[in-house]
Amino acid sequence: MTQTQTDATITAQLVSEHERLGFMPRLFGRHYIQGEWLVYDWMRHLSSEYKGGYWDFYELSNGGGYLAPRREGAFKMACAGNWFEGEVSADAAGIIATLYALNGLANRTEDDAIIERYYQLANFAYEHAENGKIAAAID
């Protein structure tokens, strides 16, 4: 029996240093400058502990992707709009911030590619070890 794309596990691959330049246009299309800025802005908004820093980029096996701050330990996050408050890994924090950015960008642009990127990342988030916290943060 072979697995189809819909029932296969979605995997994340760290983008190498020499491939980083092309990542944002692949993830956000022609909105890549605004998209990148939105991720960082959402992270500042969601976590008072975030003070900037280096971010890793991840491409997903389903065509999506996300950014995650490179940091040991967890981030305290609070999403006032949905009453979520909790501690998540840097990876989960990046997924949350990227989902918020993609959602906002999709609403502003109505770009089908951005909407697809949102759902690709959401599908990965549902398989993530911290899926309950991610879902609570974006709900």
N, C-alpha and C. Protein backbone atom coordinates (compact mmCIF):
# COMPACT_ATOMS: atom_id res chain seq x y z
N MET A 1 0.85 -1.18 0.00
CA MET A 1 0.00 0.00 0.00
C MET A 1 0.89 1.24 0.00
N THR A 2 0.61 2.18 -0.86
CA THR A 2 1.39 3.40 -0.90
C THR A 2 0.62 4.54 -0.24
N GLN A 3 1.36 5.46 0.34
CA GLN A 3 0.74 6.62 0.97
C GLN A 3 0.51 7.70 -0.07
N THR A 4 -0.60 8.38 0.08
CA THR A 4 -0.86 9.54 -0.77
C THR A 4 -0.36 10.78 -0.03
N GLN A 5 -0.29 11.92 -0.74
CA GLN A 5 0.17 13.16 -0.12
C GLN A 5 -0.72 13.55 1.05
N THR A 6 -2.01 13.22 1.01
CA THR A 6 -2.93 13.64 2.06
C THR A 6 -2.74 12.85 3.35
N ASP A 7 -2.24 11.62 3.28
CA ASP A 7 -2.06 10.88 4.53
C ASP A 7 -0.58 10.69 4.88
N ALA A 8 0.31 11.30 4.15
CA ALA A 8 1.73 11.24 4.47
C ALA A 8 2.06 12.28 5.53
N THR A 9 3.02 11.99 6.35
CA THR A 9 3.48 12.94 7.35
C THR A 9 4.18 14.10 6.65
N ILE A 10 3.85 15.30 7.07
CA ILE A 10 4.48 16.50 6.52
C ILE A 10 5.77 16.73 7.30
N THR A 11 6.86 16.94 6.59
CA THR A 11 8.15 17.16 7.24
C THR A 11 8.66 18.57 6.96
N ALA A 12 9.51 19.04 7.87
CA ALA A 12 10.14 20.36 7.73
C ALA A 12 11.63 20.16 7.50
N GLN A 13 12.18 20.94 6.58
CA GLN A 13 13.60 20.89 6.25
C GLN A 13 14.19 22.28 6.45
N LEU A 14 15.24 22.37 7.26
CA LEU A 14 15.93 23.64 7.48
C LEU A 14 16.53 24.11 6.15
N VAL A 15 16.29 25.37 5.81
CA VAL A 15 16.84 25.94 4.58
C VAL A 15 18.32 26.23 4.81
N SER A 16 19.15 25.78 3.90
CA SER A 16 20.60 25.99 4.04
C SER A 16 20.95 27.47 3.87
N GLU A 17 22.12 27.83 4.35
CA GLU A 17 22.57 29.22 4.28
C GLU A 17 22.58 29.75 2.85
N HIS A 18 23.02 28.96 1.89
CA HIS A 18 23.11 29.45 0.52
C HIS A 18 21.76 29.49 -0.20
N GLU A 19 20.70 28.92 0.41
CA GLU A 19 19.37 28.94 -0.20
C GLU A 19 18.42 29.93 0.49
N ARG A 20 18.91 30.62 1.52
CA ARG A 20 18.05 31.52 2.29
C ARG A 20 17.49 32.68 1.46
N LEU A 21 18.27 33.19 0.54
CA LEU A 21 17.86 34.36 -0.24
C LEU A 21 16.57 34.11 -1.02
N GLY A 22 16.36 32.92 -1.50
CA GLY A 22 15.17 32.61 -2.28
C GLY A 22 13.97 32.16 -1.46
N PHE A 23 14.15 31.99 -0.16
CA PHE A 23 13.07 31.45 0.67
C PHE A 23 11.86 32.38 0.77
N MET A 24 12.08 33.64 1.09
CA MET A 24 10.95 34.57 1.28
C MET A 24 10.10 34.71 0.02
N PRO A 25 10.70 34.87 -1.16
CA PRO A 25 9.85 34.92 -2.36
C PRO A 25 9.08 33.61 -2.60
N ARG A 26 9.67 32.46 -2.23
CA ARG A 26 8.94 31.20 -2.38
C ARG A 26 7.76 31.14 -1.42
N LEU A 27 7.95 31.63 -0.20
CA LEU A 27 6.89 31.55 0.81
C LEU A 27 5.81 32.61 0.59
N PHE A 28 6.21 33.84 0.37
CA PHE A 28 5.26 34.95 0.31
C PHE A 28 5.02 35.50 -1.09
N GLY A 29 5.66 34.93 -2.11
CA GLY A 29 5.48 35.43 -3.47
C GLY A 29 5.91 36.88 -3.59
N ARG A 30 5.16 37.62 -4.37
CA ARG A 30 5.52 39.03 -4.59
C ARG A 30 5.34 39.89 -3.34
N HIS A 31 4.75 39.34 -2.30
CA HIS A 31 4.53 40.05 -1.03
C HIS A 31 5.62 39.74 -0.01
N TYR A 32 6.78 39.28 -0.48
CA TYR A 32 7.78 38.74 0.44
C TYR A 32 8.34 39.76 1.42
N ILE A 33 8.47 41.01 1.04
CA ILE A 33 9.00 42.00 1.98
C ILE A 33 7.97 42.24 3.09
N GLN A 34 6.74 42.43 2.72
CA GLN A 34 5.68 42.63 3.70
C GLN A 34 5.49 41.38 4.56
N GLY A 35 5.54 40.21 3.95
CA GLY A 35 5.37 38.96 4.68
C GLY A 35 6.42 38.77 5.75
N GLU A 36 7.67 38.99 5.39
CA GLU A 36 8.74 38.83 6.37
C GLU A 36 8.56 39.81 7.52
N TRP A 37 8.27 41.07 7.20
CA TRP A 37 8.07 42.07 8.23
C TRP A 37 6.93 41.69 9.17
N LEU A 38 5.84 41.15 8.60
CA LEU A 38 4.69 40.76 9.41
C LEU A 38 5.03 39.65 10.41
N VAL A 39 5.85 38.69 10.00
CA VAL A 39 6.23 37.62 10.93
C VAL A 39 6.95 38.21 12.14
N TYR A 40 7.93 39.06 11.90
CA TYR A 40 8.69 39.65 13.01
C TYR A 40 7.79 40.54 13.87
N ASP A 41 6.90 41.28 13.23
CA ASP A 41 5.99 42.16 13.96
C ASP A 41 5.03 41.35 14.84
N TRP A 42 4.50 40.27 14.30
CA TRP A 42 3.62 39.42 15.10
C TRP A 42 4.36 38.82 16.28
N MET A 43 5.61 38.41 16.07
CA MET A 43 6.37 37.84 17.18
C MET A 43 6.56 38.87 18.29
N ARG A 44 6.88 40.10 17.91
CA ARG A 44 7.00 41.17 18.93
C ARG A 44 5.67 41.38 19.66
N HIS A 45 4.58 41.31 18.93
CA HIS A 45 3.26 41.52 19.50
C HIS A 45 2.84 40.38 20.44
N LEU A 46 3.18 39.15 20.07
CA LEU A 46 2.73 37.97 20.82
C LEU A 46 3.61 37.60 22.00
N SER A 47 4.88 38.04 21.99
CA SER A 47 5.80 37.67 23.07
C SER A 47 6.63 38.86 23.50
N SER A 48 6.44 39.29 24.73
CA SER A 48 7.25 40.40 25.27
C SER A 48 8.70 39.97 25.46
N GLU A 49 8.95 38.66 25.47
CA GLU A 49 10.32 38.15 25.61
C GLU A 49 11.12 38.26 24.32
N TYR A 50 10.45 38.39 23.20
CA TYR A 50 11.16 38.45 21.92
C TYR A 50 11.81 39.82 21.76
N LYS A 51 13.11 39.81 21.52
CA LYS A 51 13.88 41.05 21.37
C LYS A 51 14.66 41.07 20.05
N GLY A 52 14.22 40.30 19.08
CA GLY A 52 14.93 40.23 17.81
C GLY A 52 15.93 39.08 17.81
N GLY A 53 16.64 38.94 16.72
CA GLY A 53 17.64 37.89 16.62
C GLY A 53 17.58 37.17 15.29
N TYR A 54 18.37 36.13 15.19
CA TYR A 54 18.49 35.33 13.97
C TYR A 54 17.33 34.36 13.87
N TRP A 55 16.80 34.21 12.68
CA TRP A 55 15.69 33.29 12.43
C TRP A 55 16.12 32.20 11.46
N ASP A 56 15.64 30.99 11.71
CA ASP A 56 15.82 29.89 10.78
C ASP A 56 14.60 29.83 9.87
N PHE A 57 14.81 29.33 8.66
CA PHE A 57 13.75 29.19 7.69
C PHE A 57 13.55 27.70 7.42
N TYR A 58 12.29 27.28 7.33
CA TYR A 58 11.97 25.88 7.10
C TYR A 58 11.02 25.73 5.91
N GLU A 59 11.35 24.82 5.01
CA GLU A 59 10.47 24.46 3.91
C GLU A 59 9.78 23.15 4.28
N LEU A 60 8.50 23.06 3.94
CA LEU A 60 7.71 21.89 4.26
C LEU A 60 7.56 20.98 3.05
N SER A 61 7.42 19.71 3.30
CA SER A 61 7.30 18.75 2.21
C SER A 61 5.99 18.91 1.43
N ASN A 62 5.03 19.66 1.97
CA ASN A 62 3.77 19.90 1.26
C ASN A 62 3.80 21.20 0.46
N GLY A 63 4.97 21.88 0.40
CA GLY A 63 5.12 23.11 -0.36
C GLY A 63 5.08 24.37 0.47
N GLY A 64 4.71 24.28 1.73
CA GLY A 64 4.64 25.44 2.61
C GLY A 64 5.99 25.76 3.24
N GLY A 65 5.95 26.60 4.25
CA GLY A 65 7.17 26.95 4.96
C GLY A 65 6.86 27.85 6.14
N TYR A 66 7.88 28.09 6.96
CA TYR A 66 7.73 29.00 8.09
C TYR A 66 9.10 29.47 8.55
N LEU A 67 9.06 30.50 9.40
CA LEU A 67 10.25 31.06 10.01
C LEU A 67 10.19 30.75 11.50
N ALA A 68 11.33 30.55 12.14
CA ALA A 68 11.36 30.32 13.58
C ALA A 68 12.61 30.98 14.17
N PRO A 69 12.45 31.70 15.27
CA PRO A 69 13.62 32.32 15.89
C PRO A 69 14.58 31.24 16.39
N ARG A 70 15.86 31.48 16.20
CA ARG A 70 16.86 30.53 16.68
C ARG A 70 17.12 30.87 18.15
N ARG A 71 16.64 30.02 19.02
CA ARG A 71 16.75 30.29 20.45
C ARG A 71 16.59 28.99 21.21
N GLU A 72 17.38 28.83 22.23
CA GLU A 72 17.21 27.71 23.15
C GLU A 72 16.10 28.08 24.13
N GLY A 73 15.31 27.13 24.50
CA GLY A 73 14.27 27.39 25.48
C GLY A 73 12.98 27.88 24.86
N ALA A 74 12.06 28.24 25.73
CA ALA A 74 10.69 28.56 25.33
C ALA A 74 10.43 30.07 25.32
N PHE A 75 9.34 30.43 24.68
CA PHE A 75 8.83 31.80 24.68
C PHE A 75 7.48 31.80 25.41
N LYS A 76 7.28 32.77 26.26
CA LYS A 76 5.95 33.01 26.81
C LYS A 76 5.21 33.83 25.76
N MET A 77 4.01 33.37 25.42
CA MET A 77 3.22 34.05 24.41
C MET A 77 1.83 34.33 24.95
N ALA A 78 1.25 35.43 24.49
CA ALA A 78 -0.11 35.80 24.87
C ALA A 78 -0.82 36.34 23.64
N CYS A 79 -1.99 35.80 23.38
CA CYS A 79 -2.81 36.22 22.25
C CYS A 79 -4.12 36.78 22.83
N ALA A 80 -4.15 38.06 23.03
CA ALA A 80 -5.28 38.70 23.70
C ALA A 80 -6.60 38.45 23.00
N GLY A 81 -6.60 38.34 21.69
CA GLY A 81 -7.83 38.17 20.93
C GLY A 81 -8.53 36.85 21.16
N ASN A 82 -7.81 35.84 21.65
CA ASN A 82 -8.44 34.54 21.86
C ASN A 82 -8.15 33.95 23.25
N TRP A 83 -7.61 34.75 24.12
CA TRP A 83 -7.37 34.37 25.52
C TRP A 83 -6.29 33.33 25.71
N PHE A 84 -5.47 33.07 24.68
CA PHE A 84 -4.38 32.11 24.85
C PHE A 84 -3.23 32.78 25.59
N GLU A 85 -2.69 32.06 26.55
CA GLU A 85 -1.46 32.47 27.23
C GLU A 85 -0.73 31.19 27.59
N GLY A 86 0.53 31.09 27.16
CA GLY A 86 1.27 29.88 27.43
C GLY A 86 2.71 29.98 26.99
N GLU A 87 3.43 28.90 27.24
CA GLU A 87 4.84 28.83 26.89
C GLU A 87 4.99 27.81 25.78
N VAL A 88 5.71 28.20 24.73
CA VAL A 88 5.92 27.31 23.59
C VAL A 88 7.40 27.34 23.19
N SER A 89 7.83 26.33 22.49
CA SER A 89 9.19 26.29 21.97
C SER A 89 9.37 27.39 20.93
N ALA A 90 10.62 27.70 20.62
CA ALA A 90 10.90 28.70 19.58
C ALA A 90 10.33 28.24 18.24
N ASP A 91 10.37 26.95 17.98
CA ASP A 91 9.81 26.42 16.73
C ASP A 91 8.32 26.68 16.67
N ALA A 92 7.60 26.34 17.73
CA ALA A 92 6.15 26.57 17.76
C ALA A 92 5.83 28.06 17.71
N ALA A 93 6.62 28.89 18.39
CA ALA A 93 6.42 30.33 18.34
C ALA A 93 6.55 30.85 16.92
N GLY A 94 7.53 30.34 16.18
CA GLY A 94 7.70 30.74 14.79
C GLY A 94 6.54 30.31 13.92
N ILE A 95 6.04 29.11 14.16
CA ILE A 95 4.87 28.64 13.40
C ILE A 95 3.68 29.55 13.68
N ILE A 96 3.46 29.88 14.94
CA ILE A 96 2.35 30.75 15.31
C ILE A 96 2.49 32.12 14.65
N ALA A 97 3.65 32.72 14.76
CA ALA A 97 3.87 34.05 14.16
C ALA A 97 3.71 34.01 12.65
N THR A 98 4.21 32.95 12.02
CA THR A 98 4.09 32.82 10.56
C THR A 98 2.63 32.62 10.15
N LEU A 99 1.88 31.84 10.93
CA LEU A 99 0.46 31.66 10.62
C LEU A 99 -0.30 32.98 10.73
N TYR A 100 -0.02 33.76 11.77
CA TYR A 100 -0.66 35.07 11.90
C TYR A 100 -0.30 35.97 10.72
N ALA A 101 0.96 35.96 10.33
CA ALA A 101 1.40 36.80 9.20
C ALA A 101 0.73 36.36 7.90
N LEU A 102 0.70 35.06 7.63
CA LEU A 102 0.06 34.57 6.41
C LEU A 102 -1.43 34.88 6.41
N ASN A 103 -2.08 34.75 7.55
CA ASN A 103 -3.50 35.05 7.65
C ASN A 103 -3.77 36.51 7.33
N GLY A 104 -3.01 37.40 7.95
CA GLY A 104 -3.18 38.82 7.69
C GLY A 104 -2.91 39.19 6.25
N LEU A 105 -1.84 38.62 5.71
CA LEU A 105 -1.47 38.90 4.32
C LEU A 105 -2.53 38.35 3.35
N ALA A 106 -3.07 37.18 3.65
CA ALA A 106 -4.12 36.60 2.81
C ALA A 106 -5.37 37.48 2.83
N ASN A 107 -5.72 37.98 3.98
CA ASN A 107 -6.90 38.85 4.08
C ASN A 107 -6.70 40.16 3.32
N ARG A 108 -5.48 40.71 3.37
CA ARG A 108 -5.20 41.98 2.69
C ARG A 108 -5.10 41.83 1.18
N THR A 109 -4.49 40.75 0.74
CA THR A 109 -4.19 40.61 -0.69
C THR A 109 -5.19 39.74 -1.45
N GLU A 110 -5.86 38.84 -0.75
CA GLU A 110 -6.74 37.83 -1.36
C GLU A 110 -5.99 37.01 -2.41
N ASP A 111 -4.70 36.84 -2.18
CA ASP A 111 -3.82 36.09 -3.08
C ASP A 111 -3.98 34.59 -2.79
N ASP A 112 -4.41 33.84 -3.79
CA ASP A 112 -4.64 32.40 -3.60
C ASP A 112 -3.39 31.65 -3.16
N ALA A 113 -2.22 32.07 -3.62
CA ALA A 113 -0.97 31.40 -3.23
C ALA A 113 -0.70 31.61 -1.74
N ILE A 114 -0.99 32.78 -1.21
CA ILE A 114 -0.80 33.06 0.22
C ILE A 114 -1.79 32.23 1.03
N ILE A 115 -3.01 32.17 0.57
CA ILE A 115 -4.03 31.36 1.26
C ILE A 115 -3.59 29.90 1.29
N GLU A 116 -3.06 29.41 0.18
CA GLU A 116 -2.57 28.02 0.14
C GLU A 116 -1.41 27.82 1.11
N ARG A 117 -0.49 28.78 1.18
CA ARG A 117 0.64 28.68 2.12
C ARG A 117 0.14 28.61 3.56
N TYR A 118 -0.90 29.38 3.87
CA TYR A 118 -1.48 29.34 5.22
C TYR A 118 -1.96 27.91 5.54
N TYR A 119 -2.73 27.33 4.64
CA TYR A 119 -3.27 25.99 4.90
C TYR A 119 -2.17 24.92 4.91
N GLN A 120 -1.15 25.09 4.09
CA GLN A 120 -0.03 24.14 4.12
C GLN A 120 0.65 24.16 5.49
N LEU A 121 0.86 25.36 6.03
CA LEU A 121 1.49 25.47 7.35
C LEU A 121 0.54 25.00 8.45
N ALA A 122 -0.74 25.32 8.33
CA ALA A 122 -1.72 24.86 9.33
C ALA A 122 -1.76 23.34 9.37
N ASN A 123 -1.72 22.69 8.22
CA ASN A 123 -1.71 21.22 8.19
C ASN A 123 -0.47 20.66 8.88
N PHE A 124 0.68 21.29 8.68
CA PHE A 124 1.88 20.87 9.38
C PHE A 124 1.73 21.10 10.88
N ALA A 125 1.16 22.25 11.26
CA ALA A 125 1.00 22.59 12.69
C ALA A 125 0.15 21.56 13.41
N TYR A 126 -0.85 21.00 12.73
CA TYR A 126 -1.70 19.99 13.36
C TYR A 126 -0.95 18.70 13.65
N GLU A 127 0.18 18.49 12.99
CA GLU A 127 1.00 17.30 13.23
C GLU A 127 2.15 17.58 14.21
N HIS A 128 2.37 18.84 14.56
CA HIS A 128 3.48 19.27 15.40
C HIS A 128 3.30 18.75 16.84
N ALA A 129 4.39 18.51 17.53
CA ALA A 129 4.34 18.04 18.91
C ALA A 129 3.58 19.00 19.83
N GLU A 130 3.56 20.28 19.50
CA GLU A 130 2.85 21.28 20.31
C GLU A 130 1.55 21.74 19.63
N ASN A 131 0.92 20.82 18.91
CA ASN A 131 -0.26 21.18 18.13
C ASN A 131 -1.38 21.78 18.96
N GLY A 132 -1.58 21.32 20.19
CA GLY A 132 -2.65 21.86 21.04
C GLY A 132 -2.41 23.33 21.37
N LYS A 133 -1.19 23.67 21.71
CA LYS A 133 -0.87 25.05 22.04
C LYS A 133 -0.91 25.94 20.79
N ILE A 134 -0.42 25.42 19.66
CA ILE A 134 -0.46 26.19 18.42
C ILE A 134 -1.92 26.46 18.04
N ALA A 135 -2.76 25.44 18.10
CA ALA A 135 -4.17 25.61 17.75
C ALA A 135 -4.84 26.62 18.68
N ALA A 136 -4.53 26.55 19.98
CA ALA A 136 -5.13 27.49 20.94
C ALA A 136 -4.67 28.92 20.66
N ALA A 137 -3.41 29.07 20.23
CA ALA A 137 -2.86 30.41 19.98
C ALA A 137 -3.44 31.04 18.72
N ILE A 138 -3.80 30.23 17.73
CA ILE A 138 -4.30 30.80 16.47
C ILE A 138 -5.82 30.78 16.38
N ASP A 139 -6.49 30.13 17.30
CA ASP A 139 -7.94 30.00 17.24
C ASP A 139 -8.62 31.33 17.53
